[in-house]
Every structure is written in structure tokens, then in C-alpha cells.
Amino acid sequence: MLQVILKRIAIAVPVLLIVASLTFFLVRMAPGGPFDADKVVPPQVMKNLNAVYNLDAPLLVQYKDYMLNLVQGDFGPSFRYPGRSVTEMISTGLPVTLELAFYAILVAMIVGICAGVIAAVKRNTVFDYIPMSIAMLGICMPTFLLGPLLVLIFGIQLEVLPVSGWGSLAGDKILPSITLGAAYAAYIARLSRGGMLETLNQDYIRTARAKGLPEHKVIIRHALQGGLVPVVSFLGPAIAGLIGGSFVVETIFQIPGLGRFYVEAAFNRDYTMILGTTIFFSSLIIFFNLISDIVVLLMNPRARSEA
């Protein structure tokens, strides 16, 4: 177990350095600069701004200075919000994004696991075909389409749920959570079905049934642990994807989270904010993948021996 953790950490460090380096040079290659959208200022003022933010130095010098600050945990100041650091802005938006991701993964797990288990137990029946058809539809429908559709139905036509905000009105967290979690619920449903079908064909399941155990006890006590291993493997990248992919949902529903800062940074060419959020999201992906691997090893002795 310790070897697996150390191996993942050893891989994570160079991956983060590569992500930081690629992002640094890619944002600098984009046309325009962080102050181009402002009103026209005298050349001397622009020169002073570039000097303050180290933009007048050669590109390689800027890269070296940024990486030295990065290894010390300093993401630098925001170009578009004077007096605020990138770390401060990430800490401001992160709790909201984490809460949204938590509700979304609850929706995905409850709906996905229930649908997948029922589809596996009732294989080749209407209880299998309908959930899997809906799951396929959920996989194909992007959040930028599902979100406005839910707003149109439940917010505008039925007027039963708020369509913007976070925590200010009763029920304003329902639509964003469903929008963000729907696609992952579809993936989890299909993974649960596949894992359960494979587990239900194992010898120890047939033995449990031959002993006369009720079917619900066979499913709950014996089949679920092995059948949900693919779901656990998927949860690591799924949680990271929910956090990193929340910017669309946060923009649609006007949620003041980290994803919305990310979108604004891209439009404003806020170099340090783009770099900081990209590196932070990459770290989350690596972290949750590591947690997922550890849980899978704990649940599956065979995988633990192979590791």
C-alpha cells in the first residue's frame, strides 16, 4: 500500500510541473495581454504596470520567477483584482465549488447505483432497458444543454425552483446539483450494471444462493462489494471532474464558485489566475485519483496483491 502511494506521488510531481509549464507558455502565446481590455492609458503607466507584474522581463525569466514562487506555494497576485492574491481568490470560491460537487456526486451515486443494480438484477427486462436508455441519454446530453432545459421547465414554466444563486433561496441548490451530477449518474449506472453482472456470475454468489439465502441478502451482503469496485475506481476522476468541470454550471446558475473565477480569468487574460486554478484543479485530479486507487485496493484483495 505504501509503495502504491509513493509511486503515485512520484508521478504526480513531474506531471504538475509539466502542466504548469505548458499552461504558462500557452497563455502567453494567446493574443493580447491582461491590460488590453482596460481604457487606453499613457505609455508610462503601461510600462509601470508591466514592471510591477514582471511582464517586462524576458519570457524565460518570467517563467523561472513564477516556478520559483510556485514551489514555495505562491500563485502570485491577480492581474485583474488589485490587492488580491490568486490563493485568496481560490480559497474564497473553493468552498462553494466543493459543496456543489458534493451534492452532485450524491445525486450521481444514489441515482446511478440504484439504477445500475436494478438493471443488473432485472437483466433483459423493462427495468434494464429503460434505465440504461436514460443513462445513454444522460451521457450524450452536455451540461450546457441540460442546465437551460431544467431552468426552462422547473424555473420558468412550472416556477417551482429558483434558477440562480447559491444558498440565498430555498431550493436554489437543486437544479445545479442535478445538472452537474446527471452525466456522472449515467456513467455510474452503466458501471454498476457491468460490475454487478460480472459479480453475479461468480461461484461464491451461486454458492450463497444454493445455501438458500434470500436474494436481497445475496445482493446486499455479497454482490455489492465486488460489483461496485468499478464505481469506486471511477469516483476519483469523477469527483475531480465535478470540481474542475463546474464552471459551466456555475456560469449558468450564477454561482460564486471557483469555476466562475476560472471563466472570468480566461476572458480577462488574468495569467496568474489561469495558472493558479489550472494547477489547483490538476492537483485535485491527482489527489482524488490516489484516494480512489487506495479504496479500490482496500476493497479488492486481488488488486492489492497485484499492486
Protein backbone atom coordinates (compact mmCIF):
# COMPACT_ATOMS: atom_id res chain seq x y z
CA MET A 1 0.00 0.00 0.00
CA LEU A 2 2.76 2.43 0.93
CA GLN A 3 4.61 1.63 -2.29
CA VAL A 4 1.49 2.45 -4.32
CA ILE A 5 1.10 5.82 -2.57
CA LEU A 6 4.77 6.72 -3.01
CA LYS A 7 4.67 5.69 -6.66
CA ARG A 8 1.63 7.88 -7.32
CA ILE A 9 3.25 10.86 -5.56
CA ALA A 10 6.48 10.37 -7.51
CA ILE A 11 4.49 10.51 -10.75
CA ALA A 12 2.35 13.46 -9.60
CA VAL A 13 5.24 15.90 -9.08
CA PRO A 14 6.59 15.89 -12.66
CA VAL A 15 3.02 15.85 -14.03
CA LEU A 16 2.19 19.05 -12.14
CA LEU A 17 5.42 20.67 -13.32
CA ILE A 18 4.60 19.79 -16.93
CA VAL A 19 1.03 21.12 -16.55
CA ALA A 20 2.33 24.36 -15.02
CA SER A 21 4.94 24.80 -17.74
CA LEU A 22 2.58 24.11 -20.63
CA THR A 23 -0.11 26.39 -19.20
CA PHE A 24 2.41 29.18 -18.63
CA PHE A 25 3.63 29.23 -22.21
CA LEU A 26 0.20 28.64 -23.77
CA VAL A 27 -1.43 31.60 -22.02
CA ARG A 28 1.49 33.81 -23.01
CA MET A 29 1.07 32.74 -26.64
CA ALA A 30 -2.55 33.93 -26.70
CA PRO A 31 -3.00 37.32 -28.40
CA GLY A 32 -3.42 40.34 -26.19
CA GLY A 33 -2.42 40.98 -22.61
CA PRO A 34 -4.05 41.33 -19.19
CA PHE A 35 -4.40 45.12 -19.51
CA ASP A 36 -5.53 45.37 -23.14
CA ALA A 37 -9.23 45.47 -22.23
CA ASP A 38 -8.77 48.50 -19.98
CA LYS A 39 -9.17 52.05 -21.17
CA VAL A 40 -6.21 53.49 -23.03
CA VAL A 41 -3.52 54.60 -20.60
CA PRO A 42 -0.35 56.60 -21.18
CA PRO A 43 2.68 54.53 -22.25
CA GLN A 44 4.49 55.33 -18.99
CA VAL A 45 1.58 53.95 -16.93
CA MET A 46 1.52 50.79 -19.03
CA LYS A 47 5.27 50.47 -18.58
CA ASN A 48 4.88 50.77 -14.81
CA LEU A 49 2.12 48.14 -14.78
CA ASN A 50 4.28 45.71 -16.74
CA ALA A 51 7.17 46.35 -14.36
CA VAL A 52 5.01 45.76 -11.27
CA TYR A 53 3.78 42.40 -12.59
CA ASN A 54 7.17 41.41 -14.08
CA LEU A 55 5.73 41.42 -17.60
CA ASP A 56 8.61 43.49 -18.95
CA ALA A 57 11.15 40.72 -18.25
CA PRO A 58 12.11 38.15 -20.91
CA LEU A 59 9.70 35.22 -21.12
CA LEU A 60 12.18 32.69 -19.74
CA VAL A 61 12.95 34.97 -16.80
CA GLN A 62 9.21 35.28 -16.09
CA TYR A 63 8.92 31.50 -16.25
CA LYS A 64 11.83 30.99 -13.86
CA ASP A 65 10.47 33.51 -11.36
CA TYR A 66 6.97 32.03 -11.49
CA MET A 67 8.17 28.46 -10.99
CA LEU A 68 10.37 29.52 -8.05
CA ASN A 69 7.36 31.17 -6.41
CA LEU A 70 5.17 28.18 -7.27
CA VAL A 71 7.35 25.65 -5.44
CA GLN A 72 7.00 27.91 -2.38
CA GLY A 73 3.22 27.75 -2.66
CA ASP A 74 2.80 31.28 -4.02
CA PHE A 75 0.48 31.59 -7.05
CA GLY A 76 1.14 35.32 -7.30
CA PRO A 77 -1.21 38.33 -7.39
CA SER A 78 -4.27 38.56 -9.59
CA PHE A 79 -3.81 40.90 -12.55
CA ARG A 80 -7.47 41.88 -12.66
CA TYR A 81 -8.21 42.23 -8.93
CA PRO A 82 -5.59 44.57 -7.43
CA GLY A 83 -4.66 43.80 -3.87
CA ARG A 84 -5.93 40.20 -4.03
CA SER A 85 -3.77 37.13 -4.46
CA VAL A 86 -4.72 34.08 -6.51
CA THR A 87 -4.53 31.94 -3.37
CA GLU A 88 -7.03 34.23 -1.63
CA MET A 89 -9.46 34.05 -4.54
CA ILE A 90 -9.17 30.24 -4.75
CA SER A 91 -9.89 29.96 -1.03
CA THR A 92 -12.93 32.22 -1.49
CA GLY A 93 -14.52 30.25 -4.32
CA LEU A 94 -13.43 26.73 -3.37
CA PRO A 95 -15.96 26.08 -0.53
CA VAL A 96 -18.89 26.82 -2.84
CA THR A 97 -17.47 24.63 -5.61
CA LEU A 98 -16.78 21.79 -3.16
CA GLU A 99 -20.34 22.00 -1.82
CA LEU A 100 -21.75 21.90 -5.34
CA ALA A 101 -19.54 18.92 -6.22
CA PHE A 102 -20.61 17.13 -3.01
CA TYR A 103 -24.32 17.45 -3.80
CA ALA A 104 -23.70 16.49 -7.43
CA ILE A 105 -21.79 13.32 -6.51
CA LEU A 106 -24.58 12.39 -4.05
CA VAL A 107 -27.11 12.72 -6.87
CA ALA A 108 -24.86 10.72 -9.20
CA MET A 109 -24.22 7.90 -6.72
CA ILE A 110 -27.76 7.50 -5.45
CA VAL A 111 -29.38 7.58 -8.87
CA GLY A 112 -26.58 5.74 -10.69
CA ILE A 113 -26.05 2.88 -8.24
CA CYS A 114 -29.77 2.26 -7.75
CA ALA A 115 -30.40 2.24 -11.49
CA GLY A 116 -27.38 0.05 -12.23
CA VAL A 117 -28.12 -2.55 -9.55
CA ILE A 118 -31.78 -2.82 -10.54
CA ALA A 119 -30.81 -3.14 -14.22
CA ALA A 120 -28.34 -5.93 -13.40
CA VAL A 121 -30.73 -7.86 -11.16
CA LYS A 122 -33.59 -7.48 -13.69
CA ARG A 123 -31.40 -8.14 -16.71
CA ASN A 124 -33.06 -8.08 -20.15
CA THR A 125 -36.35 -6.76 -18.79
CA VAL A 126 -38.04 -3.38 -18.95
CA PHE A 127 -36.25 -2.49 -15.66
CA ASP A 128 -32.98 -2.95 -17.52
CA TYR A 129 -33.79 -1.33 -20.86
CA ILE A 130 -35.37 1.87 -19.55
CA PRO A 131 -32.65 2.90 -17.02
CA MET A 132 -29.85 2.10 -19.47
CA SER A 133 -31.57 4.05 -22.24
CA ILE A 134 -31.93 7.05 -19.92
CA ALA A 135 -28.29 6.61 -18.89
CA MET A 136 -27.18 6.72 -22.51
CA LEU A 137 -29.21 9.89 -22.99
CA GLY A 138 -27.60 11.40 -19.89
CA ILE A 139 -24.12 10.63 -21.20
CA CYS A 140 -24.89 12.28 -24.54
CA MET A 141 -26.52 15.43 -23.12
CA PRO A 142 -23.97 18.12 -22.13
CA THR A 143 -24.44 20.30 -19.07
CA PHE A 144 -24.72 23.49 -21.12
CA LEU A 145 -27.86 21.99 -22.71
CA LEU A 146 -29.34 20.23 -19.68
CA GLY A 147 -28.97 23.26 -17.39
CA PRO A 148 -31.01 25.71 -19.50
CA LEU A 149 -33.55 22.95 -20.18
CA LEU A 150 -34.10 22.41 -16.45
CA VAL A 151 -34.28 26.17 -15.93
CA LEU A 152 -36.92 26.43 -18.66
CA ILE A 153 -39.06 23.61 -17.25
CA PHE A 154 -38.77 23.98 -13.46
CA GLY A 155 -37.86 27.63 -13.15
CA ILE A 156 -39.78 29.44 -15.88
CA GLN A 157 -42.72 27.24 -16.85
CA LEU A 158 -43.51 25.47 -13.56
CA GLU A 159 -41.97 28.16 -11.31
CA VAL A 160 -41.17 25.67 -8.55
CA LEU A 161 -37.38 26.12 -8.20
CA PRO A 162 -35.01 29.12 -8.24
CA VAL A 163 -32.77 29.43 -11.29
CA SER A 164 -29.81 31.34 -9.85
CA GLY A 165 -27.86 31.92 -6.65
CA TRP A 166 -26.45 29.61 -4.02
CA GLY A 167 -27.83 29.38 -0.51
CA SER A 168 -29.92 32.54 -0.70
CA LEU A 169 -33.26 30.94 -1.63
CA ALA A 170 -34.88 27.66 -0.63
CA GLY A 171 -34.18 25.01 -3.25
CA ASP A 172 -31.63 27.01 -5.25
CA LYS A 173 -29.10 24.15 -4.95
CA ILE A 174 -31.33 21.50 -6.53
CA LEU A 175 -31.11 22.37 -10.22
CA PRO A 176 -27.32 22.99 -10.26
CA SER A 177 -26.68 19.71 -8.42
CA ILE A 178 -28.86 17.72 -10.82
CA THR A 179 -27.32 19.43 -13.85
CA LEU A 180 -23.76 18.70 -12.74
CA GLY A 181 -24.44 15.19 -11.45
CA ALA A 182 -26.66 13.88 -14.25
CA ALA A 183 -23.91 12.80 -16.66
CA TYR A 184 -21.94 11.13 -13.86
CA ALA A 185 -25.09 9.34 -12.68
CA ALA A 186 -25.37 7.88 -16.18
CA TYR A 187 -21.77 6.66 -16.15
CA ILE A 188 -22.15 5.20 -12.66
CA ALA A 189 -25.36 3.41 -13.69
CA ARG A 190 -23.61 1.66 -16.57
CA LEU A 191 -20.54 0.83 -14.47
CA SER A 192 -22.73 -0.53 -11.66
CA ARG A 193 -24.65 -2.70 -14.07
CA GLY A 194 -21.49 -4.11 -15.66
CA GLY A 195 -19.80 -4.74 -12.31
CA MET A 196 -22.89 -6.37 -10.82
CA LEU A 197 -23.42 -8.62 -13.83
CA GLU A 198 -19.85 -9.86 -13.59
CA THR A 199 -20.12 -10.41 -9.84
CA LEU A 200 -23.48 -12.19 -10.02
CA ASN A 201 -21.88 -14.83 -12.25
CA GLN A 202 -19.17 -15.66 -9.72
CA ASP A 203 -19.06 -19.03 -7.96
CA TYR A 204 -19.45 -17.62 -4.46
CA ILE A 205 -22.72 -15.96 -5.47
CA ARG A 206 -24.05 -19.26 -6.77
CA THR A 207 -22.93 -20.89 -3.51
CA ALA A 208 -24.76 -18.27 -1.45
CA ARG A 209 -27.91 -18.86 -3.45
CA ALA A 210 -27.55 -22.63 -3.14
CA LYS A 211 -27.45 -22.25 0.65
CA GLY A 212 -30.90 -20.74 0.49
CA LEU A 213 -30.07 -17.09 1.27
CA PRO A 214 -32.81 -14.66 0.22
CA GLU A 215 -31.99 -12.80 -3.00
CA HIS A 216 -31.85 -9.38 -1.33
CA LYS A 217 -29.24 -10.64 1.15
CA VAL A 218 -27.20 -12.16 -1.67
CA ILE A 219 -27.20 -8.80 -3.43
CA ILE A 220 -26.53 -6.61 -0.39
CA ARG A 221 -24.09 -8.80 1.58
CA HIS A 222 -22.16 -10.50 -1.19
CA ALA A 223 -22.59 -8.93 -4.62
CA LEU A 224 -22.41 -5.22 -3.89
CA GLN A 225 -18.82 -5.18 -2.60
CA GLY A 226 -17.42 -6.73 -5.74
CA GLY A 227 -19.94 -5.20 -8.12
CA LEU A 228 -19.22 -1.62 -7.07
CA VAL A 229 -15.43 -1.81 -7.47
CA PRO A 230 -15.63 -0.21 -10.97
CA VAL A 231 -17.73 2.59 -9.47
CA VAL A 232 -15.15 3.24 -6.75
CA SER A 233 -12.42 3.36 -9.39
CA PHE A 234 -14.47 5.92 -11.29
CA LEU A 235 -15.24 8.11 -8.26
CA GLY A 236 -11.71 9.57 -8.06
CA PRO A 237 -11.66 11.14 -11.52
CA ALA A 238 -15.42 11.79 -11.25
CA ILE A 239 -15.07 13.97 -8.14
CA ALA A 240 -12.12 15.79 -9.67
CA GLY A 241 -14.12 16.21 -12.88
CA LEU A 242 -17.09 17.58 -10.95
CA ILE A 243 -14.90 20.17 -9.27
CA GLY A 244 -12.96 21.05 -12.39
CA GLY A 245 -15.97 20.96 -14.70
CA SER A 246 -18.30 23.01 -12.52
CA PHE A 247 -17.51 26.28 -14.30
CA VAL A 248 -20.27 25.73 -16.89
CA VAL A 249 -22.91 25.07 -14.22
CA GLU A 250 -21.66 27.93 -12.06
CA THR A 251 -21.91 30.28 -15.03
CA ILE A 252 -25.44 29.11 -15.97
CA PHE A 253 -26.82 29.41 -12.43
CA GLN A 254 -24.71 32.43 -11.34
CA ILE A 255 -22.96 30.54 -8.56
CA PRO A 256 -19.99 32.38 -6.96
CA GLY A 257 -17.61 29.43 -7.06
CA LEU A 258 -14.10 28.74 -8.24
CA GLY A 259 -15.23 27.70 -11.70
CA ARG A 260 -16.75 31.11 -12.31
CA PHE A 261 -13.45 32.76 -11.35
CA TYR A 262 -11.76 30.49 -13.88
CA VAL A 263 -14.07 31.60 -16.69
CA GLU A 264 -13.63 35.28 -15.80
CA ALA A 265 -9.85 34.82 -15.70
CA ALA A 266 -9.88 33.39 -19.22
CA PHE A 267 -11.90 36.34 -20.55
CA ASN A 268 -9.77 38.87 -18.65
CA ARG A 269 -6.44 37.24 -19.60
CA ASP A 270 -5.59 37.06 -15.90
CA TYR A 271 -2.43 34.99 -16.35
CA THR A 272 -1.77 34.18 -12.71
CA MET A 273 -5.40 33.26 -12.03
CA ILE A 274 -5.50 30.94 -15.04
CA LEU A 275 -2.25 29.31 -13.98
CA GLY A 276 -3.24 29.02 -10.33
CA THR A 277 -6.66 27.47 -10.96
CA THR A 278 -5.31 25.10 -13.62
CA ILE A 279 -2.58 23.83 -11.31
CA PHE A 280 -5.05 23.58 -8.43
CA PHE A 281 -7.56 21.60 -10.49
CA SER A 282 -4.76 19.31 -11.70
CA SER A 283 -3.71 18.70 -8.10
CA LEU A 284 -7.29 17.78 -7.20
CA ILE A 285 -7.48 15.29 -10.06
CA ILE A 286 -4.25 13.62 -8.94
CA PHE A 287 -5.34 13.61 -5.27
CA PHE A 288 -8.76 12.07 -5.86
CA ASN A 289 -7.31 9.51 -8.25
CA LEU A 290 -4.90 8.50 -5.48
CA ILE A 291 -7.75 8.20 -2.96
CA SER A 292 -9.71 6.12 -5.48
CA ASP A 293 -6.78 3.76 -6.03
CA ILE A 294 -6.34 3.27 -2.28
CA VAL A 295 -10.04 2.49 -1.72
CA VAL A 296 -10.02 0.00 -4.61
CA LEU A 297 -7.02 -1.78 -3.10
CA LEU A 298 -8.79 -1.97 0.26
CA MET A 299 -11.97 -3.37 -1.32
CA ASN A 300 -10.30 -5.83 -3.69
CA PRO A 301 -7.67 -8.16 -2.14
CA ARG A 302 -6.71 -9.46 -5.61
CA ALA A 303 -5.86 -5.95 -6.80
CA ARG A 304 -3.91 -5.37 -3.60
CA SER A 305 -1.75 -8.46 -4.21
CA GLU A 306 -1.12 -7.39 -7.83
CA ALA A 307 -0.08 -3.92 -6.72
